[in-house]
Amino acid sequence: MQPEDIFRICNMMAMAGWLALLASPFFPKLADRVAALGIPVLLAIAYAGLVLAFWSGTEGGFDTLPNVMRLFTQPEIALAGWIHYLAFDLFIGAWEVRTGRAERIPFLAVVPCLALTFLFGPAGYLAFTALRAARAAIPTASQSVGAAQ
């Protein structure tokens, strides 16, 4: 299979996972199985296969920025790097959805974090972490009533 074909298939799989996350208020178990487990595992298999098949023929490394840049000049390794992003961003997005659900964070408040995670990975994680911290700092109505008594 050509790298472009793998690229297209992996992008479509990741998009299906993100759509499942957006549908999670209606189908939470499906979203958890698809976006949190199934698709990230399939992407991890594709990643591992590319690394195993092409890593030994690469130049570069992780010790300097120029070596990292050299490492990603081989299309198959650049593709593996892209799949790495797809898998981990989706995994973090699924974690945000599950955590939001467990902590009773309104889904509409989580959606902007998902968008940021989809587009900018760690920035979305940072936004979700800030959302959780902000909610924890604001007393709930039941806490306020209990404190007033």
C-alpha atoms as a PDB file:
ATOM      1  CA  MET A   1       0.000   0.000   0.000  1.00  0.00           C
ATOM      2  CA  GLN A   2       1.294   3.457  -0.890  1.00  0.00           C
ATOM      3  CA  PRO A   3       1.926   6.082   1.834  1.00  0.00           C
ATOM      4  CA  GLU A   4      -0.763   8.359   0.333  1.00  0.00           C
ATOM      5  CA  ASP A   5      -3.329   5.550   0.654  1.00  0.00           C
ATOM      6  CA  ILE A   6      -2.377   4.937   4.289  1.00  0.00           C
ATOM      7  CA  PHE A   7      -2.550   8.696   4.904  1.00  0.00           C
ATOM      8  CA  ARG A   8      -6.094   8.919   3.503  1.00  0.00           C
ATOM      9  CA  ILE A   9      -7.328   5.841   5.372  1.00  0.00           C
ATOM     10  CA  CYS A  10      -5.885   6.996   8.691  1.00  0.00           C
ATOM     11  CA  ASN A  11      -7.305  10.504   8.270  1.00  0.00           C
ATOM     12  CA  MET A  12     -10.755   9.056   7.543  1.00  0.00           C
ATOM     13  CA  MET A  13     -10.542   6.772  10.570  1.00  0.00           C
ATOM     14  CA  ALA A  14      -9.522   9.663  12.820  1.00  0.00           C
ATOM     15  CA  MET A  15     -12.347  11.814  11.458  1.00  0.00           C
ATOM     16  CA  ALA A  16     -14.812   9.012  12.218  1.00  0.00           C
ATOM     17  CA  GLY A  17     -13.483   8.993  15.782  1.00  0.00           C
ATOM     18  CA  TRP A  18     -13.934  12.742  16.154  1.00  0.00           C
ATOM     19  CA  LEU A  19     -17.470  12.506  14.788  1.00  0.00           C
ATOM     20  CA  ALA A  20     -18.175   9.748  17.310  1.00  0.00           C
ATOM     21  CA  LEU A  21     -16.972  12.079  20.061  1.00  0.00           C
ATOM     22  CA  LEU A  22     -19.315  14.812  18.868  1.00  0.00           C
ATOM     23  CA  ALA A  23     -22.173  12.285  18.951  1.00  0.00           C
ATOM     24  CA  SER A  24     -21.170  11.025  22.405  1.00  0.00           C
ATOM     25  CA  PRO A  25     -24.032  12.714  24.299  1.00  0.00           C
ATOM     26  CA  PHE A  26     -26.401  10.491  22.304  1.00  0.00           C
ATOM     27  CA  PHE A  27     -24.225   7.355  21.999  1.00  0.00           C
ATOM     28  CA  PRO A  28     -21.707   7.403  24.877  1.00  0.00           C
ATOM     29  CA  LYS A  29     -20.798   3.703  24.813  1.00  0.00           C
ATOM     30  CA  LEU A  30     -20.278   3.733  21.064  1.00  0.00           C
ATOM     31  CA  ALA A  31     -18.094   6.834  21.302  1.00  0.00           C
ATOM     32  CA  ASP A  32     -16.057   5.258  24.086  1.00  0.00           C
ATOM     33  CA  ARG A  33     -15.507   2.060  22.118  1.00  0.00           C
ATOM     34  CA  VAL A  34     -14.787   3.732  18.784  1.00  0.00           C
ATOM     35  CA  ALA A  35     -12.927   6.933  19.690  1.00  0.00           C
ATOM     36  CA  ALA A  36     -11.256   5.898  22.929  1.00  0.00           C
ATOM     37  CA  LEU A  37     -10.252   2.380  22.004  1.00  0.00           C
ATOM     38  CA  GLY A  38     -10.925   1.023  18.516  1.00  0.00           C
ATOM     39  CA  ILE A  39      -9.594   3.757  16.262  1.00  0.00           C
ATOM     40  CA  PRO A  40      -6.591   4.703  18.432  1.00  0.00           C
ATOM     41  CA  VAL A  41      -5.575   1.021  18.497  1.00  0.00           C
ATOM     42  CA  LEU A  42      -5.857   0.751  14.710  1.00  0.00           C
ATOM     43  CA  LEU A  43      -3.834   3.941  14.290  1.00  0.00           C
ATOM     44  CA  ALA A  44      -1.227   2.610  16.725  1.00  0.00           C
ATOM     45  CA  ILE A  45      -0.942  -0.570  14.650  1.00  0.00           C
ATOM     46  CA  ALA A  46      -0.403   1.479  11.485  1.00  0.00           C
ATOM     47  CA  TYR A  47       2.169   3.629  13.294  1.00  0.00           C
ATOM     48  CA  ALA A  48       4.049   0.625  14.670  1.00  0.00           C
ATOM     49  CA  GLY A  49       4.032  -1.065  11.264  1.00  0.00           C
ATOM     50  CA  LEU A  50       5.526   1.979   9.555  1.00  0.00           C
ATOM     51  CA  VAL A  51       8.172   2.447  12.219  1.00  0.00           C
ATOM     52  CA  LEU A  52       9.136  -1.224  12.153  1.00  0.00           C
ATOM     53  CA  ALA A  53       9.305  -1.276   8.367  1.00  0.00           C
ATOM     54  CA  PHE A  54      11.124   2.006   7.741  1.00  0.00           C
ATOM     55  CA  TRP A  55      12.955   3.173  10.866  1.00  0.00           C
ATOM     56  CA  SER A  56      16.220   1.392  10.127  1.00  0.00           C
ATOM     57  CA  GLY A  57      16.613   3.231   6.814  1.00  0.00           C
ATOM     58  CA  THR A  58      16.210   6.722   8.235  1.00  0.00           C
ATOM     59  CA  GLU A  59      18.786   9.390   8.824  1.00  0.00           C
ATOM     60  CA  GLY A  60      18.582  11.773  11.727  1.00  0.00           C
ATOM     61  CA  GLY A  61      17.450  11.319  15.281  1.00  0.00           C
ATOM     62  CA  PHE A  62      16.027  13.079  18.314  1.00  0.00           C
ATOM     63  CA  ASP A  63      19.169  14.720  19.694  1.00  0.00           C
ATOM     64  CA  THR A  64      19.008  18.032  17.784  1.00  0.00           C
ATOM     65  CA  LEU A  65      16.378  19.936  15.841  1.00  0.00           C
ATOM     66  CA  PRO A  66      18.244  19.512  12.518  1.00  0.00           C
ATOM     67  CA  ASN A  67      18.363  15.740  13.135  1.00  0.00           C
ATOM     68  CA  VAL A  68      14.627  15.640  13.880  1.00  0.00           C
ATOM     69  CA  MET A  69      14.017  17.542  10.654  1.00  0.00           C
ATOM     70  CA  ARG A  70      16.238  15.080   8.771  1.00  0.00           C
ATOM     71  CA  LEU A  71      14.354  12.163  10.336  1.00  0.00           C
ATOM     72  CA  PHE A  72      11.071  13.369   8.868  1.00  0.00           C
ATOM     73  CA  THR A  73      12.340  13.791   5.315  1.00  0.00           C
ATOM     74  CA  GLN A  74      11.490  10.141   4.576  1.00  0.00           C
ATOM     75  CA  PRO A  75       7.775  10.011   3.589  1.00  0.00           C
ATOM     76  CA  GLU A  76       6.984   6.825   5.521  1.00  0.00           C
ATOM     77  CA  ILE A  77       8.475   8.187   8.750  1.00  0.00           C
ATOM     78  CA  ALA A  78       6.726  11.538   8.266  1.00  0.00           C
ATOM     79  CA  LEU A  79       3.513   9.548   7.803  1.00  0.00           C
ATOM     80  CA  ALA A  80       4.225   7.643  11.022  1.00  0.00           C
ATOM     81  CA  GLY A  81       4.672  10.993  12.770  1.00  0.00           C
ATOM     82  CA  TRP A  82       1.340  12.201  11.410  1.00  0.00           C
ATOM     83  CA  ILE A  83      -0.411   9.015  12.535  1.00  0.00           C
ATOM     84  CA  HIS A  84       1.162   9.545  15.963  1.00  0.00           C
ATOM     85  CA  TYR A  85      -0.592  12.932  16.117  1.00  0.00           C
ATOM     86  CA  LEU A  86      -3.882  11.471  14.913  1.00  0.00           C
ATOM     87  CA  ALA A  87      -3.840   8.670  17.494  1.00  0.00           C
ATOM     88  CA  PHE A  88      -2.819  10.731  20.497  1.00  0.00           C
ATOM     89  CA  ASP A  89      -5.028  13.729  19.767  1.00  0.00           C
ATOM     90  CA  LEU A  90      -8.046  11.444  19.358  1.00  0.00           C
ATOM     91  CA  PHE A  91      -7.125   9.548  22.519  1.00  0.00           C
ATOM     92  CA  ILE A  92      -6.910  12.823  24.470  1.00  0.00           C
ATOM     93  CA  GLY A  93     -10.186  14.045  22.947  1.00  0.00           C
ATOM     94  CA  ALA A  94     -11.882  10.824  24.058  1.00  0.00           C
ATOM     95  CA  TRP A  95     -10.415  11.258  27.542  1.00  0.00           C
ATOM     96  CA  GLU A  96     -11.785  14.816  27.654  1.00  0.00           C
ATOM     97  CA  VAL A  97     -15.256  13.563  26.737  1.00  0.00           C
ATOM     98  CA  ARG A  98     -15.204  10.729  29.293  1.00  0.00           C
ATOM     99  CA  THR A  99     -13.803  12.971  32.021  1.00  0.00           C
ATOM    100  CA  GLY A 100     -16.296  15.706  31.229  1.00  0.00           C
ATOM    101  CA  ARG A 101     -19.119  13.189  31.417  1.00  0.00           C
ATOM    102  CA  ALA A 102     -17.866  11.772  34.729  1.00  0.00           C
ATOM    103  CA  GLU A 103     -17.444  15.259  36.224  1.00  0.00           C
ATOM    104  CA  ARG A 104     -20.797  16.427  34.847  1.00  0.00           C
ATOM    105  CA  ILE A 105     -19.254  19.177  32.758  1.00  0.00           C
ATOM    106  CA  PRO A 106     -21.810  20.300  30.176  1.00  0.00           C
ATOM    107  CA  PHE A 107     -20.882  18.828  26.814  1.00  0.00           C
ATOM    108  CA  LEU A 108     -21.199  22.205  25.098  1.00  0.00           C
ATOM    109  CA  ALA A 109     -18.429  23.477  27.390  1.00  0.00           C
ATOM    110  CA  VAL A 110     -16.206  20.565  26.320  1.00  0.00           C
ATOM    111  CA  VAL A 111     -16.754  21.068  22.566  1.00  0.00           C
ATOM    112  CA  PRO A 112     -14.381  24.067  22.245  1.00  0.00           C
ATOM    113  CA  CYS A 113     -11.709  22.022  24.014  1.00  0.00           C
ATOM    114  CA  LEU A 114     -12.307  19.209  21.537  1.00  0.00           C
ATOM    115  CA  ALA A 115     -11.945  21.621  18.627  1.00  0.00           C
ATOM    116  CA  LEU A 116      -8.655  22.878  20.030  1.00  0.00           C
ATOM    117  CA  THR A 117      -7.444  19.326  20.653  1.00  0.00           C
ATOM    118  CA  PHE A 118      -8.393  18.360  17.106  1.00  0.00           C
ATOM    119  CA  LEU A 119      -6.527  21.329  15.626  1.00  0.00           C
ATOM    120  CA  PHE A 120      -3.720  22.017  18.084  1.00  0.00           C
ATOM    121  CA  GLY A 121      -3.423  18.948  20.364  1.00  0.00           C
ATOM    122  CA  PRO A 122      -1.808  20.176  23.572  1.00  0.00           C
ATOM    123  CA  ALA A 123      -3.637  23.526  23.430  1.00  0.00           C
ATOM    124  CA  GLY A 124      -6.936  21.635  23.659  1.00  0.00           C
ATOM    125  CA  TYR A 125      -5.666  19.592  26.581  1.00  0.00           C
ATOM    126  CA  LEU A 126      -4.594  22.838  28.262  1.00  0.00           C
ATOM    127  CA  ALA A 127      -8.038  24.381  27.648  1.00  0.00           C
ATOM    128  CA  PHE A 128      -9.786  21.322  29.089  1.00  0.00           C
ATOM    129  CA  THR A 129      -7.501  21.348  32.124  1.00  0.00           C
ATOM    130  CA  ALA A 130      -8.301  25.034  32.641  1.00  0.00           C
ATOM    131  CA  LEU A 131     -12.031  24.310  32.272  1.00  0.00           C
ATOM    132  CA  ARG A 132     -11.824  21.610  34.947  1.00  0.00           C
ATOM    133  CA  ALA A 133      -9.849  23.898  37.266  1.00  0.00           C
ATOM    134  CA  ALA A 134     -12.323  26.744  36.780  1.00  0.00           C
ATOM    135  CA  ARG A 135     -15.274  24.478  37.531  1.00  0.00           C
ATOM    136  CA  ALA A 136     -13.556  23.117  40.637  1.00  0.00           C
ATOM    137  CA  ALA A 137     -12.980  26.673  41.895  1.00  0.00           C
ATOM    138  CA  ILE A 138     -16.644  27.642  41.567  1.00  0.00           C
ATOM    139  CA  PRO A 139     -18.815  26.276  44.390  1.00  0.00           C
ATOM    140  CA  THR A 140     -21.891  24.402  43.238  1.00  0.00           C
ATOM    141  CA  ALA A 141     -25.381  25.291  44.446  1.00  0.00           C
ATOM    142  CA  SER A 142     -25.438  22.295  46.797  1.00  0.00           C
ATOM    143  CA  GLN A 143     -22.094  23.344  48.315  1.00  0.00           C
ATOM    144  CA  SER A 144     -23.388  26.888  48.815  1.00  0.00           C
ATOM    145  CA  VAL A 145     -26.578  25.675  50.492  1.00  0.00           C
ATOM    146  CA  GLY A 146     -24.614  23.361  52.780  1.00  0.00           C
ATOM    147  CA  ALA A 147     -22.229  26.152  53.774  1.00  0.00           C
ATOM    148  CA  ALA A 148     -25.096  28.528  54.565  1.00  0.00           C
ATOM    149  CA  GLN A 149     -26.662  26.097  57.050  1.00  0.00           C
END
